[in-house]
Structures are given as structure tokens and as C-alpha cells.
Amino acid sequence: MKKRFAPILSTIIVDFFILGYLLLLLKSTNFNNGITISNILLIAIASGLFILLFTMIYILFQRLKEIKEEEKDDLSKY
């Protein structure tokens, strides 16, 4: 159980930061003036953060599967 706690906690903390930053980016877009280059750039950055959010969740499930199978822990190699 201890080996599962750290990956889950760190993923939750980082995902909340990414989600907060993502929401701030999307809130700062202003389409009243039409689509501008800055809006396109903000949407591109937000899309990258959205992909990063789901990638971290996927990696968490991979890590939990690895711990469940009790393979040799990656950190113990170093």
C-alpha cells in the first residue's frame, strides 16, 4: 500500500496544478475581438496541457500495474 500512495498523491497534486493553469488559460481567452493569434496560441497551450493531464493519468495506471505485478522497483536500481 505504501508504494501506491506516492504515485497517486503526486499525480493528484500535479494534475490539480495543471487543471488550475488550464482553467486560467481558457478564462483569459477573449473572443469578443474575433480570433487573434494570441487566442490561437492560448488554445494550443491549453490543448497541450489537456493532453499532459491525461498522459499523467495513463502513466499512473501503468505505474500501479507495475507495482501490482511486483516487478523490481525502478527507483531501487539507482
Protein backbone atom coordinates (compact mmCIF):
# COMPACT_ATOMS: atom_id res chain seq x y z
CA MET A 1 0.00 0.00 0.00
CA LYS A 2 2.88 2.40 0.75
CA LYS A 3 4.30 2.01 -2.75
CA ARG A 4 0.96 3.05 -4.28
CA PHE A 5 0.47 6.13 -2.10
CA ALA A 6 3.31 8.26 -3.51
CA PRO A 7 2.45 7.92 -7.22
CA ILE A 8 -1.24 8.57 -6.59
CA LEU A 9 -0.60 11.59 -4.38
CA SER A 10 1.95 13.16 -6.69
CA THR A 11 -0.28 12.65 -9.73
CA ILE A 12 -3.25 14.24 -7.95
CA ILE A 13 -1.20 17.27 -6.86
CA VAL A 14 0.36 17.86 -10.29
CA ASP A 15 -2.97 17.31 -12.06
CA PHE A 16 -4.64 19.93 -9.86
CA PHE A 17 -1.92 22.44 -10.74
CA ILE A 18 -2.24 21.64 -14.44
CA LEU A 19 -6.03 21.83 -14.27
CA GLY A 20 -5.87 25.21 -12.49
CA TYR A 21 -3.45 26.59 -15.05
CA LEU A 22 -5.62 25.20 -17.85
CA LEU A 23 -8.71 26.89 -16.46
CA LEU A 24 -6.86 30.20 -16.10
CA LEU A 25 -5.70 30.00 -19.70
CA LEU A 26 -9.16 29.25 -21.00
CA LYS A 27 -10.66 32.02 -18.87
CA SER A 28 -8.20 34.55 -20.27
CA THR A 29 -9.17 33.91 -23.89
CA ASN A 30 -11.31 36.71 -25.24
CA PHE A 31 -13.24 36.02 -28.43
CA ASN A 32 -15.05 39.38 -28.46
CA ASN A 33 -12.43 40.83 -30.81
CA GLY A 34 -12.51 37.78 -33.06
CA ILE A 35 -9.94 35.06 -33.29
CA THR A 36 -6.48 36.52 -32.82
CA ILE A 37 -3.04 34.95 -32.86
CA SER A 38 -2.83 35.21 -29.07
CA ASN A 39 -6.11 33.32 -28.70
CA ILE A 40 -4.88 30.60 -31.04
CA LEU A 41 -1.66 30.35 -29.04
CA LEU A 42 -3.56 30.13 -25.75
CA ILE A 43 -5.80 27.39 -27.13
CA ALA A 44 -2.75 25.47 -28.41
CA ILE A 45 -1.09 25.68 -24.97
CA ALA A 46 -4.34 24.65 -23.29
CA SER A 47 -4.61 21.65 -25.64
CA GLY A 48 -1.07 20.60 -24.75
CA LEU A 49 -1.87 20.86 -21.05
CA PHE A 50 -5.05 18.84 -21.55
CA ILE A 51 -3.05 16.10 -23.27
CA LEU A 52 -0.44 16.24 -20.48
CA LEU A 53 -3.18 15.83 -17.88
CA PHE A 54 -4.46 12.61 -19.41
CA THR A 55 -0.95 11.35 -20.10
CA MET A 56 -0.10 11.63 -16.43
CA ILE A 57 -3.21 9.64 -15.52
CA TYR A 58 -2.27 6.96 -18.06
CA ILE A 59 1.26 6.78 -16.66
CA LEU A 60 -0.17 6.48 -13.14
CA PHE A 61 -2.18 3.43 -14.17
CA GLN A 62 0.92 1.93 -15.81
CA ARG A 63 2.91 2.50 -12.62
CA LEU A 64 0.20 0.99 -10.41
CA LYS A 65 0.06 -2.05 -12.67
CA GLU A 66 3.83 -2.40 -12.41
CA ILE A 67 3.68 -2.20 -8.62
CA LYS A 68 0.84 -4.74 -8.52
CA GLU A 69 2.86 -7.20 -10.58
CA GLU A 70 5.70 -6.65 -8.10
CA GLU A 71 8.32 -6.15 -10.71
CA LYS A 72 11.58 -4.78 -9.47
CA ASP A 73 11.03 -1.19 -8.44
CA ASP A 74 12.60 1.32 -10.85
CA LEU A 75 13.85 3.53 -8.03
CA SER A 76 15.74 0.71 -6.32
CA LYS A 77 18.06 0.45 -9.35
CA TYR A 78 19.65 3.80 -8.54
